[in-house]
Protein backbone atom coordinates (compact mmCIF):
# COMPACT_ATOMS: atom_id res chain seq x y z
CA MET A 1 29.66 -179.57 89.80
CA ALA A 2 31.01 -182.93 90.89
CA ALA A 3 28.58 -185.77 90.44
CA GLY A 4 28.36 -186.56 94.15
CA SER A 5 27.58 -182.98 95.00
CA GLU A 6 24.44 -182.90 92.91
CA HIS A 7 22.26 -184.20 95.72
CA GLY A 8 21.90 -184.10 99.46
CA LEU A 9 23.67 -181.97 102.05
CA LYS A 10 26.68 -181.15 99.87
CA ARG A 11 24.49 -179.66 97.15
CA ILE A 12 22.53 -177.63 99.72
CA VAL A 13 25.73 -176.27 101.30
CA TRP A 14 27.30 -175.37 97.95
CA LYS A 15 24.10 -173.59 96.92
CA ARG A 16 24.15 -171.59 100.20
CA ILE A 17 27.77 -170.58 99.53
CA GLN A 18 26.88 -169.61 95.96
CA ASP A 19 23.88 -167.55 97.09
CA THR A 20 25.95 -165.60 99.64
CA ILE A 21 29.71 -165.45 99.07
CA ILE A 22 29.68 -166.10 95.32
CA ALA A 23 26.68 -163.87 94.62
CA ASP A 24 28.47 -160.92 96.30
CA CYS A 25 31.61 -161.66 94.26
CA ARG A 26 29.70 -161.65 90.99
CA LYS A 27 28.80 -158.01 91.53
CA SER A 28 32.43 -157.18 90.94
CA GLU A 29 34.18 -158.24 87.74
CA ILE A 30 37.61 -158.30 89.39
CA TRP A 31 39.34 -161.64 90.04
CA LYS A 32 39.64 -162.30 93.73
CA ILE A 33 41.64 -164.20 96.35
CA LEU A 34 39.83 -166.58 98.73
CA ILE A 35 41.34 -166.91 102.21
CA LEU A 36 40.27 -169.86 104.37
CA ASP A 37 41.00 -171.29 107.82
CA PRO A 38 41.47 -175.09 108.30
CA PHE A 39 37.75 -175.67 108.99
CA THR A 40 36.44 -173.72 105.99
CA THR A 41 39.13 -175.30 103.76
CA LYS A 42 37.74 -178.71 104.64
CA LEU A 43 34.16 -177.49 104.35
CA LEU A 44 34.69 -176.13 100.83
CA SER A 45 36.63 -179.20 99.71
CA THR A 46 33.63 -181.40 100.63
CA CYS A 47 31.21 -179.57 98.35
CA CYS A 48 33.10 -177.98 95.44
CA LYS A 49 36.22 -178.19 93.29
CA MET A 50 38.84 -175.61 92.37
CA SER A 51 37.31 -175.45 88.88
CA ASP A 52 33.97 -174.38 90.44
CA LEU A 53 35.74 -171.52 92.22
CA MET A 54 37.69 -170.53 89.10
CA ALA A 55 34.40 -170.30 87.21
CA GLU A 56 33.36 -167.71 89.80
CA LYS A 57 36.50 -165.57 89.25
CA ILE A 58 38.27 -166.80 92.40
CA THR A 59 41.80 -167.21 91.17
CA ILE A 60 43.84 -168.05 94.30
CA VAL A 61 42.96 -169.93 97.51
CA GLU A 62 45.17 -169.12 100.51
CA ASP A 63 45.57 -170.28 104.12
CA LEU A 64 44.63 -167.61 106.67
CA TYR A 65 47.34 -168.73 109.14
CA LYS A 66 50.23 -168.91 106.70
CA SER A 67 52.53 -166.09 105.66
CA ARG A 68 51.22 -164.59 102.40
CA GLU A 69 52.61 -162.13 99.88
CA PRO A 70 50.65 -158.85 99.78
CA VAL A 71 48.57 -158.29 96.61
CA PRO A 72 47.40 -154.69 97.19
CA GLU A 73 45.61 -154.40 93.84
CA MET A 74 43.29 -157.38 94.56
CA LYS A 75 40.23 -157.81 96.74
CA ALA A 76 40.21 -160.71 99.24
CA ILE A 77 37.32 -162.88 100.41
CA TYR A 78 37.74 -164.20 103.95
CA PHE A 79 35.62 -167.24 104.80
CA MET A 80 36.37 -168.25 108.39
CA THR A 81 35.11 -169.42 111.76
CA PRO A 82 34.34 -166.62 114.27
CA THR A 83 37.20 -167.42 116.67
CA SER A 84 39.67 -164.99 118.21
CA LYS A 85 42.54 -166.77 116.38
CA CYS A 86 40.90 -166.14 112.98
CA VAL A 87 39.96 -162.56 113.74
CA GLU A 88 43.50 -161.78 114.99
CA ALA A 89 44.96 -163.21 111.76
CA PHE A 90 42.50 -161.12 109.73
CA ILE A 91 43.35 -157.89 111.64
CA ALA A 92 47.08 -158.57 111.13
CA ASP A 93 46.49 -158.46 107.34
CA PHE A 94 45.25 -154.83 107.51
CA LYS A 95 46.41 -153.27 110.79
CA THR A 96 49.80 -151.85 109.72
CA LYS A 97 50.14 -152.23 105.96
CA PRO A 98 47.08 -153.64 104.17
CA LYS A 99 47.79 -156.81 102.17
CA TYR A 100 44.73 -156.37 99.93
CA LYS A 101 42.66 -153.63 98.34
CA ALA A 102 39.50 -154.61 100.27
CA ALA A 103 38.01 -157.44 102.33
CA TYR A 104 34.74 -159.34 101.98
CA VAL A 105 34.32 -161.17 105.32
CA TYR A 106 32.04 -164.21 105.80
CA PHE A 107 31.76 -166.06 109.10
CA THR A 108 30.50 -169.63 109.36
CA ASP A 109 28.45 -168.66 112.42
CA TYR A 110 27.51 -165.81 114.78
CA CYS A 111 30.50 -163.55 115.48
CA PRO A 112 30.80 -162.48 119.14
CA ASP A 113 30.48 -158.71 119.70
CA ASP A 114 33.99 -158.24 121.12
CA LEU A 115 35.61 -159.80 118.04
CA PHE A 116 33.41 -157.76 115.73
CA LYS A 117 34.33 -154.52 117.56
CA ASN A 118 38.05 -155.33 117.23
CA MET A 119 37.70 -155.83 113.49
CA LYS A 120 35.80 -152.58 113.17
CA LEU A 121 38.38 -150.74 115.22
CA TYR A 122 41.36 -151.70 113.04
CA CYS A 123 39.93 -152.59 109.63
CA ALA A 124 36.61 -150.75 109.13
CA LYS A 125 37.70 -148.85 106.03
CA TYR A 126 38.77 -152.02 104.20
CA ILE A 127 35.72 -154.17 104.96
CA ARG A 128 33.18 -154.05 102.11
CA VAL A 129 30.95 -156.88 103.38
CA CYS A 130 30.68 -158.67 106.73
CA LYS A 131 28.14 -161.50 106.95
CA GLU A 132 27.38 -164.59 109.02
CA ILE A 133 26.25 -167.37 106.69
CA ASN A 134 25.32 -170.12 109.18
CA ILE A 135 27.28 -173.14 107.97
CA SER A 136 29.50 -174.49 110.73
CA PHE A 137 29.00 -178.20 110.08
CA MET A 138 30.60 -180.56 107.56
CA PRO A 139 28.40 -182.13 104.88
CA GLN A 140 30.14 -185.50 104.99
CA GLU A 141 27.77 -187.34 102.63
CA ALA A 142 24.36 -186.78 101.05
CA GLN A 143 22.61 -187.65 104.36
CA VAL A 144 25.48 -187.46 106.87
CA PHE A 145 27.03 -184.46 108.61
CA THR A 146 29.70 -184.01 111.27
CA CYS A 147 30.80 -181.12 113.46
CA GLY A 148 34.44 -181.80 112.58
CA ASN A 149 35.26 -182.10 116.26
CA PRO A 150 36.64 -185.47 117.44
CA GLY A 151 37.94 -183.75 120.60
CA ALA A 152 34.32 -183.26 121.74
CA PHE A 153 34.24 -186.91 122.88
CA ARG A 154 36.86 -186.36 125.55
CA SER A 155 35.54 -182.92 126.51
CA ILE A 156 32.05 -184.34 127.14
CA TYR A 157 32.83 -187.75 128.65
CA SER A 158 36.12 -187.35 130.52
CA PRO A 159 35.61 -186.98 134.30
CA LYS A 160 38.59 -184.58 134.21
CA SER A 161 37.12 -182.34 131.48
CA GLN A 162 37.03 -178.61 132.17
CA ASP A 163 35.16 -177.51 129.05
CA LYS A 164 32.17 -179.85 128.81
CA ARG A 165 29.55 -177.10 128.81
CA LYS A 166 31.51 -175.00 126.33
CA THR A 167 31.74 -178.02 123.99
CA LEU A 168 28.00 -178.73 124.23
CA GLU A 169 27.34 -175.05 123.46
CA MET A 170 29.58 -175.27 120.39
CA LEU A 171 27.74 -178.40 119.18
CA ALA A 172 24.40 -176.62 119.79
CA ASP A 173 25.54 -173.65 117.66
CA GLN A 174 26.59 -176.03 114.88
CA LEU A 175 23.24 -177.86 114.99
CA VAL A 176 21.45 -174.52 114.68
CA THR A 177 23.43 -173.75 111.51
CA LEU A 178 22.48 -177.18 110.13
CA CYS A 179 18.78 -176.44 110.73
CA ALA A 180 19.16 -172.93 109.26
CA THR A 181 20.89 -174.31 106.14
CA LEU A 182 18.09 -176.85 105.69
CA ASP A 183 15.54 -174.09 106.43
CA GLU A 184 14.04 -176.26 109.17
CA TYR A 185 12.72 -175.30 112.60
CA PRO A 186 12.29 -178.80 114.02
CA GLY A 187 10.54 -180.18 117.05
CA ILE A 188 13.23 -181.51 119.41
CA ARG A 189 13.23 -184.74 121.42
CA TYR A 190 15.98 -186.43 123.40
CA LYS A 191 16.64 -189.92 124.76
CA LYS A 192 16.07 -189.90 128.51
CA ASP A 193 18.78 -191.68 130.49
CA SER A 194 18.87 -192.11 134.27
CA ASN A 195 22.70 -192.05 134.29
CA MET A 196 23.47 -189.35 131.72
CA ASP A 197 22.21 -185.81 131.17
CA ASN A 198 24.06 -184.57 128.07
CA ALA A 199 21.24 -185.24 125.58
CA ARG A 200 18.75 -183.24 127.68
CA ILE A 201 21.18 -180.34 128.13
CA LEU A 202 22.05 -180.24 124.42
CA ALA A 203 18.35 -180.43 123.43
CA GLU A 204 17.61 -177.44 125.66
CA MET A 205 20.56 -175.45 124.26
CA VAL A 206 19.58 -176.15 120.64
CA ASP A 207 15.94 -175.26 121.31
CA ASN A 208 16.84 -171.92 122.94
CA ARG A 209 19.30 -171.01 120.20
CA LEU A 210 16.88 -171.96 117.42
CA ALA A 211 14.16 -169.79 118.95
CA ARG A 212 16.62 -166.88 119.10
CA HIS A 213 17.87 -167.53 115.56
CA TYR A 214 14.41 -167.52 114.01
CA GLU A 215 13.29 -164.47 116.00
CA LEU A 216 16.20 -162.53 114.50
CA ASP A 217 15.45 -163.71 110.97
CA ASP A 218 16.16 -161.07 108.29
CA SER A 219 12.66 -161.32 106.86
CA GLY A 220 11.21 -159.78 110.03
CA LYS A 221 8.66 -162.60 110.36
CA LYS A 222 8.84 -165.13 113.14
CA LYS A 223 9.33 -168.58 111.60
CA GLU A 224 6.85 -171.28 112.55
CA LYS A 225 7.94 -174.82 113.36
CA THR A 226 8.44 -176.95 110.24
CA GLN A 227 7.56 -180.57 109.51
CA ALA A 228 10.84 -181.88 110.91
CA GLN A 229 12.06 -183.62 114.04
CA LEU A 230 15.49 -183.50 115.65
CA LEU A 231 16.33 -186.42 117.95
CA ILE A 232 19.35 -186.14 120.27
CA LEU A 233 20.89 -189.17 121.97
CA GLU A 234 24.18 -190.28 123.51
CA ARG A 235 26.79 -192.77 122.31
CA GLY A 236 26.09 -195.08 125.25
CA PHE A 237 22.58 -195.86 123.92
CA ASP A 238 24.14 -198.54 121.65
CA PRO A 239 27.70 -199.54 122.52
CA VAL A 240 27.48 -202.68 120.35
CA SER A 241 27.17 -201.27 116.80
CA PRO A 242 30.40 -199.25 116.70
CA ILE A 243 32.63 -202.12 117.85
CA LEU A 244 31.26 -205.07 115.84
CA HIS A 245 33.08 -206.30 112.74
CA GLU A 246 30.69 -205.14 110.01
CA LEU A 247 30.59 -206.86 106.61
CA THR A 248 29.03 -204.07 104.55
CA TYR A 249 31.57 -202.49 102.18
CA GLN A 250 32.10 -199.00 103.64
CA ALA A 251 32.06 -200.09 107.30
CA MET A 252 34.37 -203.04 106.59
CA ALA A 253 36.84 -200.97 104.56
CA TYR A 254 37.14 -198.22 107.21
CA ASP A 255 37.51 -200.81 109.98
CA LEU A 256 40.11 -203.10 108.36
CA ILE A 257 42.03 -200.91 105.91
CA ASP A 258 44.11 -197.88 106.89
CA ILE A 259 41.94 -195.20 105.25
CA LYS A 260 42.70 -191.65 106.42
CA ASN A 261 40.80 -188.55 105.30
CA ASP A 262 38.70 -190.81 103.03
CA THR A 263 41.86 -191.66 101.03
CA TYR A 264 42.59 -195.29 100.15
CA LYS A 265 46.26 -196.00 99.37
CA TYR A 266 47.07 -199.14 97.41
CA LYS A 267 49.59 -200.75 95.09
CA SER A 268 48.57 -201.14 91.46
CA ARG A 269 49.27 -204.29 89.46
CA ASP A 270 52.61 -202.86 88.29
CA GLY A 271 53.69 -202.25 91.89
CA SER A 272 53.37 -198.44 91.84
CA GLU A 273 51.81 -196.61 94.82
CA LYS A 274 48.38 -195.13 94.06
CA GLN A 275 45.63 -193.45 96.01
CA ALA A 276 41.91 -192.90 95.55
CA LYS A 277 39.34 -190.71 97.28
CA LEU A 278 36.32 -192.60 98.61
CA ASN A 279 33.63 -189.96 98.29
CA GLU A 280 30.46 -189.14 96.40
CA ASP A 281 32.33 -188.02 93.28
CA ASP A 282 32.86 -191.76 92.74
CA MET A 283 29.39 -192.98 91.77
CA LEU A 284 30.47 -196.62 92.00
CA TRP A 285 31.38 -196.04 95.65
CA VAL A 286 27.93 -194.51 96.22
CA LYS A 287 26.34 -197.55 94.58
CA LEU A 288 28.38 -200.15 96.48
CA ARG A 289 29.17 -198.67 99.91
CA HIS A 290 26.13 -200.07 101.75
CA LYS A 291 26.14 -203.50 100.09
CA HIS A 292 27.37 -206.65 101.80
CA ILE A 293 30.96 -207.56 100.88
CA ALA A 294 29.71 -210.82 99.32
CA GLU A 295 27.65 -208.83 96.79
CA VAL A 296 30.45 -206.33 96.14
CA SER A 297 32.97 -209.12 95.45
CA GLU A 298 30.54 -210.64 92.98
CA GLN A 299 29.47 -207.43 91.23
CA ILE A 300 32.80 -205.71 90.45
CA PRO A 301 34.38 -208.49 88.30
CA LYS A 302 31.05 -208.73 86.40
CA MET A 303 31.13 -204.97 85.73
CA LEU A 304 34.72 -205.16 84.46
CA LYS A 305 33.78 -207.95 82.04
CA GLU A 306 30.78 -205.97 80.80
CA ILE A 307 32.91 -202.90 80.05
CA SER A 308 35.56 -204.96 78.26
CA ALA A 309 32.90 -206.71 76.18
CA SER A 310 31.19 -203.42 75.26
CA LYS A 311 34.42 -202.09 73.73
CA LYS A 312 34.54 -204.82 71.10
CA GLN A 313 32.80 -204.24 67.76
CA PRO A 314 30.01 -206.77 67.22
CA ASP A 315 30.72 -207.42 63.52
CA GLY A 316 34.46 -206.80 63.57
CA LYS A 317 34.19 -204.04 60.92
CA ILE A 318 36.11 -200.87 61.58
CA THR A 319 34.85 -197.71 59.93
CA ILE A 320 35.90 -194.12 60.35
CA SER A 321 32.60 -193.32 62.08
CA ASN A 322 32.75 -196.14 64.65
CA LEU A 323 36.43 -195.36 65.31
CA ALA A 324 35.40 -191.77 66.05
CA GLN A 325 32.67 -193.07 68.33
CA MET A 326 35.14 -195.27 70.20
CA MET A 327 37.60 -192.41 70.58
CA LYS A 328 34.83 -190.26 72.04
CA LYS A 329 34.00 -193.02 74.47
CA MET A 330 37.58 -193.83 75.51
CA PRO A 331 37.88 -191.27 78.35
CA ALA A 332 34.64 -192.61 79.80
CA PHE A 333 35.89 -196.19 79.39
CA ARG A 334 39.17 -195.27 81.06
CA LYS A 335 37.38 -193.64 83.99
CA GLN A 336 35.00 -196.59 84.38
CA MET A 337 37.85 -199.10 84.26
CA THR A 338 39.90 -197.12 86.80
CA GLU A 339 36.97 -196.82 89.24
CA LYS A 340 36.19 -200.51 89.02
CA THR A 341 39.86 -201.51 89.36
CA ILE A 342 40.13 -199.42 92.56
CA HIS A 343 37.09 -201.13 94.06
CA LEU A 344 38.26 -204.56 92.94
CA GLN A 345 41.50 -203.89 94.82
CA LEU A 346 39.71 -202.54 97.92
CA ALA A 347 37.23 -205.44 97.99
CA GLU A 348 40.14 -207.89 97.65
CA ASP A 349 41.93 -206.18 100.56
CA CYS A 350 38.78 -206.51 102.69
CA MET A 351 38.32 -210.18 101.74
CA LYS A 352 41.96 -210.92 102.59
CA HIS A 353 41.34 -209.75 106.17
CA TYR A 354 38.04 -211.59 106.22
CA GLY A 355 39.71 -214.87 105.26
CA GLU A 356 42.52 -214.44 107.79
CA ASN A 357 40.50 -213.86 110.96
CA VAL A 358 37.37 -211.74 110.60
CA GLU A 359 35.12 -214.62 109.52
CA LYS A 360 35.81 -216.55 112.76
CA LEU A 361 35.49 -213.43 114.90
CA CYS A 362 32.17 -212.47 113.28
CA LYS A 363 30.42 -215.65 114.36
CA ALA A 364 31.29 -215.13 118.03
CA GLU A 365 30.55 -211.38 117.86
CA GLN A 366 27.13 -211.86 116.22
CA ASP A 367 26.11 -214.54 118.75
CA LEU A 368 27.10 -212.26 121.65
CA ALA A 369 25.46 -209.16 120.15
CA VAL A 370 22.19 -210.80 119.10
CA GLY A 371 22.01 -213.19 122.09
CA SER A 372 21.29 -216.22 119.90
CA ASP A 373 23.08 -218.30 117.30
CA VAL A 374 22.40 -218.49 113.58
CA ASP A 375 19.59 -221.04 114.18
CA GLY A 376 17.90 -218.74 116.69
CA VAL A 377 18.98 -220.81 119.71
CA LYS A 378 19.55 -218.58 122.76
CA VAL A 379 23.16 -218.19 123.93
CA LYS A 380 22.92 -219.57 127.49
CA ASP A 381 26.59 -219.28 128.39
CA PRO A 382 28.24 -216.27 126.70
CA MET A 383 31.63 -217.25 128.18
CA ARG A 384 31.66 -220.38 125.99
CA THR A 385 31.18 -218.13 122.96
CA LEU A 386 33.95 -215.76 124.08
CA LEU A 387 36.56 -218.35 125.09
CA PRO A 388 37.72 -219.42 121.58
CA VAL A 389 38.41 -215.75 120.77
CA LEU A 390 40.52 -215.34 123.93
CA LEU A 391 42.48 -218.55 123.26
CA ASN A 392 43.30 -217.63 119.63
CA PRO A 393 46.20 -215.33 118.64
CA TYR A 394 43.94 -212.44 117.54
CA SER A 395 45.09 -208.83 117.90
CA LYS A 396 44.69 -206.95 121.19
CA TYR A 397 41.95 -204.73 119.72
CA ASP A 398 39.99 -207.72 118.36
CA LYS A 399 40.09 -209.40 121.78
CA ILE A 400 39.03 -206.18 123.55
CA ARG A 401 36.08 -205.88 121.15
CA ALA A 402 34.96 -209.45 121.89
CA VAL A 403 35.34 -208.98 125.66
CA LEU A 404 33.24 -205.81 125.51
CA LEU A 405 30.50 -207.57 123.54
CA TYR A 406 30.50 -210.30 126.20
CA ILE A 407 30.14 -207.70 128.99
CA PHE A 408 27.42 -205.79 127.11
CA SER A 409 25.48 -209.04 126.56
CA LEU A 410 25.35 -209.54 130.35
CA ASN A 411 24.73 -205.86 131.16
CA GLY A 412 27.94 -205.85 133.16
CA THR A 413 30.10 -208.38 134.99
CA THR A 414 31.69 -208.84 138.44
CA GLU A 415 34.93 -207.15 139.54
CA GLU A 416 36.57 -210.56 139.81
CA ASN A 417 35.51 -211.68 136.33
CA LEU A 418 36.54 -208.33 134.80
CA HIS A 419 40.00 -208.71 136.37
CA LYS A 420 40.38 -212.19 134.80
CA LEU A 421 39.26 -210.91 131.38
CA ILE A 422 41.76 -208.03 131.51
CA GLU A 423 44.52 -210.55 132.33
CA HIS A 424 43.45 -212.80 129.45
CA VAL A 425 43.70 -209.96 126.94
CA LYS A 426 47.00 -208.86 128.54
CA ILE A 427 45.91 -205.26 129.07
CA GLU A 428 46.67 -205.07 132.81
CA GLY A 429 48.55 -201.83 132.16
CA GLU A 430 45.65 -200.29 130.22
CA PRO A 431 42.34 -201.57 131.68
CA GLU A 432 40.78 -198.20 130.70
CA PHE A 433 39.89 -199.70 127.29
CA ILE A 434 37.14 -201.55 129.16
CA GLN A 435 36.59 -199.74 132.47
CA ASN A 436 36.07 -196.28 130.95
CA TRP A 437 32.83 -197.29 129.21
CA LYS A 438 31.16 -196.45 132.52
CA GLU A 439 31.77 -192.77 131.69
CA LEU A 440 29.29 -193.22 128.81
CA GLY A 441 26.68 -194.68 131.18
CA VAL A 442 27.33 -198.24 129.94
CA PRO A 443 27.30 -200.81 132.80
CA ILE A 444 30.65 -202.62 133.08
CA ILE A 445 30.48 -203.76 136.72
CA THR A 446 27.17 -205.11 138.04
CA THR A 447 26.16 -204.72 141.65
CA PRO A 448 23.40 -206.74 143.32
CA SER A 449 21.23 -203.61 143.46
CA PHE A 450 21.89 -202.68 139.82
CA PHE A 451 19.07 -203.28 137.39
CA SER A 452 19.29 -202.31 133.76
CA ARG A 453 16.48 -202.98 131.33
CA LYS A 454 17.66 -203.86 127.85
CA PRO A 455 15.72 -201.98 125.20
CA THR A 456 13.06 -204.01 123.42
CA ARG A 457 14.08 -204.46 119.81
CA ARG A 458 11.93 -204.51 116.70
CA ASP A 459 11.23 -208.00 115.42
CA ARG A 460 13.38 -208.56 112.33
CA ASN A 461 12.98 -212.34 112.07
CA GLN A 462 11.43 -211.96 108.63
CA ASP A 463 14.34 -209.87 107.32
CA GLU A 464 16.71 -211.67 104.99
CA THR A 465 20.21 -211.38 106.44
CA TYR A 466 23.60 -213.00 106.04
CA SER A 467 24.42 -215.34 108.94
CA LEU A 468 27.40 -213.17 109.97
CA SER A 469 25.41 -209.91 109.68
CA ARG A 470 22.38 -210.55 111.88
CA TRP A 471 22.79 -207.53 114.18
CA THR A 472 20.84 -204.38 113.31
CA PRO A 473 22.05 -201.09 114.85
CA VAL A 474 19.66 -199.79 117.53
CA ILE A 475 19.49 -196.45 115.69
CA LYS A 476 17.52 -198.13 112.89
CA ASP A 477 14.77 -199.05 115.39
CA VAL A 478 14.77 -195.43 116.59
CA MET A 479 14.51 -194.08 113.03
CA GLU A 480 11.65 -196.41 112.11
CA ASP A 481 9.77 -195.73 115.35
CA ALA A 482 10.18 -191.96 114.85
CA VAL A 483 8.98 -192.11 111.25
CA GLU A 484 5.92 -194.15 112.32
CA ASN A 485 5.24 -191.85 115.30
CA LYS A 486 5.82 -194.72 117.74
CA LEU A 487 8.51 -193.24 120.00
CA ASP A 488 7.53 -193.55 123.68
CA THR A 489 7.17 -190.03 125.14
CA LYS A 490 8.54 -191.20 128.53
CA GLU A 491 11.73 -192.48 126.92
CA TRP A 492 11.85 -189.66 124.36
CA PRO A 493 10.54 -186.49 126.03
CA HIS A 494 9.71 -183.48 123.84
CA GLN A 495 11.94 -180.48 124.40
CA SER A 496 9.70 -178.75 121.88
CA GLU A 497 7.12 -180.10 119.47
CA CYS A 498 6.69 -179.68 115.74
CA PRO A 499 3.16 -179.39 114.26
CA ALA A 500 0.95 -182.30 115.23
CA ALA A 501 0.49 -183.21 111.57
CA TRP A 502 4.08 -184.46 111.37
CA ASN A 503 4.04 -188.04 110.29
CA GLY A 504 7.11 -189.32 108.58
CA SER A 505 5.17 -192.05 106.85
CA GLY A 506 3.93 -189.52 104.34
CA ALA A 507 1.05 -187.45 105.74
CA VAL A 508 1.31 -183.88 104.54
CA SER A 509 0.07 -181.04 106.70
CA ALA A 510 -2.65 -178.70 105.46
CA ARG A 511 -0.11 -175.86 105.44
CA GLN A 512 1.76 -177.46 102.57
CA LYS A 513 0.38 -176.33 99.24
CA HIS A 514 0.48 -179.61 97.35
CA ARG A 515 1.82 -183.12 97.37
CA ALA A 516 5.17 -182.75 95.67
CA SER A 517 5.59 -184.77 92.53
CA THR A 518 9.21 -185.81 92.79
CA GLN A 519 10.69 -187.90 95.54
CA GLU A 520 13.41 -185.30 96.19
CA ASP A 521 10.84 -182.51 96.73
CA ARG A 522 8.49 -184.72 98.69
CA ARG A 523 11.19 -185.55 101.19
CA THR A 524 11.55 -181.95 102.22
CA GLY A 525 8.01 -182.26 103.64
CA SER A 526 9.27 -184.28 106.60
CA ARG A 527 12.86 -184.56 107.69
CA LEU A 528 14.14 -186.63 110.57
CA ILE A 529 17.47 -185.29 111.86
CA ILE A 530 19.37 -187.48 114.33
CA PHE A 531 22.34 -186.27 116.34
CA VAL A 532 24.44 -188.71 118.37
CA ILE A 533 26.68 -187.17 121.05
CA GLY A 534 30.05 -188.96 120.91
CA GLY A 535 30.39 -190.21 117.34
CA ILE A 536 28.57 -192.37 114.77
CA SER A 537 29.65 -195.53 112.99
CA CYS A 538 29.46 -196.33 109.27
CA SER A 539 26.74 -198.92 109.95
CA GLU A 540 24.60 -196.25 111.64
CA MET A 541 25.14 -193.91 108.67
CA ARG A 542 23.93 -196.70 106.39
CA CYS A 543 20.66 -196.95 108.37
CA ALA A 544 19.74 -193.35 107.44
CA TYR A 545 19.83 -194.28 103.74
CA GLU A 546 18.01 -197.59 104.26
CA VAL A 547 15.12 -196.01 106.18
CA THR A 548 14.85 -193.09 103.69
CA LYS A 549 14.73 -195.56 100.80
CA ALA A 550 12.08 -197.70 102.52
CA VAL A 551 9.83 -194.77 103.54
CA LYS A 552 10.44 -192.46 100.53
CA SER A 553 8.39 -189.59 101.99
CA CYS A 554 10.80 -188.85 104.86
CA GLU A 555 14.48 -188.01 104.53
CA VAL A 556 16.63 -189.17 107.45
CA ILE A 557 19.79 -187.16 108.13
CA ILE A 558 22.27 -188.36 110.74
CA GLY A 559 25.21 -186.56 112.31
CA SER A 560 27.63 -186.34 115.21
CA SER A 561 30.80 -184.62 116.36
CA HIS A 562 32.80 -187.09 114.23
CA ILE A 563 32.71 -190.49 112.52
CA LEU A 564 33.96 -193.53 114.38
CA THR A 565 35.80 -196.67 113.47
CA PRO A 566 36.13 -199.35 116.19
CA THR A 567 39.80 -198.42 116.70
CA ILE A 568 39.05 -194.68 116.97
CA LEU A 569 36.32 -195.38 119.53
CA LEU A 570 38.49 -197.68 121.67
CA ASP A 571 41.32 -195.11 121.64
CA ASP A 572 38.81 -192.35 122.54
CA ILE A 573 37.48 -194.46 125.45
CA LYS A 574 41.00 -195.13 126.74
CA SER A 575 41.90 -191.43 126.52
CA LEU A 576 39.10 -190.46 128.94
CA SER A 577 41.49 -191.12 131.84
CA LYS A 578 43.97 -188.50 130.65
CA GLY A 579 44.12 -185.02 132.16
CA PRO A 580 42.28 -182.05 130.64
CA MET A 581 43.19 -181.15 127.08
CA GLU A 582 44.28 -177.71 126.09
CA SER A 583 41.22 -175.85 124.92
CA PHE A 584 40.53 -176.66 121.28
CA THR A 585 38.62 -174.92 118.55
CA ILE A 586 36.35 -176.19 115.84
CA GLU A 587 39.32 -176.23 113.47
CA ASP A 588 41.37 -178.87 115.30
CA GLU A 589 40.51 -182.07 113.54
CA HIS A 590 41.62 -185.56 112.69
CA ASN A 591 39.44 -187.50 110.33
CA ILE A 592 38.90 -191.14 109.61
């Protein structure tokens, strides 16, 4: 297995696939074809490699929707989402002239009865296995998952949406498969909001579906609640974190560099075009992604020097045996050098942007977000902080981000002031970038009767921070409060409760047999799962790792419909004014 898949969600998902699909395949010695839809293609590519499949006698991987040559002597494995489009494509493979000898069918989730009946009607004699394996989420990282559904943002928050409930139901189904894959039956809480109701509705849907799922469990026993909590909240709870310029490596790279589908394209020293995947197969990426860019820029050149030095022979003597040793080590050296060169290039790209304009923007953004300057002096007139940004030739998106931070710092502004700001940024033709935040329950216009209480933040004055990285995402407060059992029940009502013994700080309930010896095992004792409706940022993903590392006895897992960059979020916000989208399925996806 790939190095990055040896821990966390990816490992768990791959093991589930091995225990179901692969285990059934092993019973037959014949080489097989694997047929996937776009969602399952992406799902498998996150947690295994072609060599892993080949080792399991899967010789060809095909696209369900594309025209394929019949191979009547081979058996086919279909791994797909239970949608009418997938089922129709499957039926077409067998209805008139069968393309394959037999079919092993695996659905990511519950297959509706009408689709199942259709399959039975036309293909019963070819189907050897038909199972639902409960994995309809994407294991993005060790502690991060998505639902692979960026379109959910518009479906849930657009006032013109016609499929909001259907989208929430789909997200609820996906969350149930996450819990089932983790073998958790969590207590569920949601963030109460006087303006928005999506978190409450989703919490209720997940709770009902989980109860149904665990009643129908194959073992015949009703599953008890486990030592886990699921918290559901909406994007509007913290509008600041996803639009700030962040200076930690992953967040900065995804914000400033054009990285699509986790692929970084760059020019090597000789001018040739190259590309690199930024994922958990690259252990250097895992090591560096949450560090501040200042540390990254310092560490990579040091690492390169260390590797170069380690290749030289200390006494200058060359013997057959040490030559053999060097030859053995060369592939590892090459790999190490390549990895470090990629990150040297990426860090340099980030620093180039930082030197051009990000450094100046960061000071204003941090002062507006935190409400005080680097010396702790309160910002009395936010407009004085904003003005230099508006008067400088920054990009439209940078100016919009600064204007939004100014408005958020005041909890909204007047109609007249908003009009002036829109003119300043020259977005008179597209004021939706700013105005549409109201659809997320974020105050943009204040009225004399409007009163909004800013959440009280945890005191982090003792934390060591860089002067341009003083803001801490609100989600980190939530995680720490949840782990310490300090969440206010009025603000965070229980949709359903887990056993009273749950205490993320390390208490183990009497039902658990023993205190696990390894950190990995111990974490399974108490999991905190957080789901944000409307997208999560890289800085919020980082918080899950930071809190897990600090607490050790509780693993924090965070997820959403998709992952945001500031540009993606601003474009999503603007798009809320558009008319209803054509209905989408879980497979339609663009990724950061």
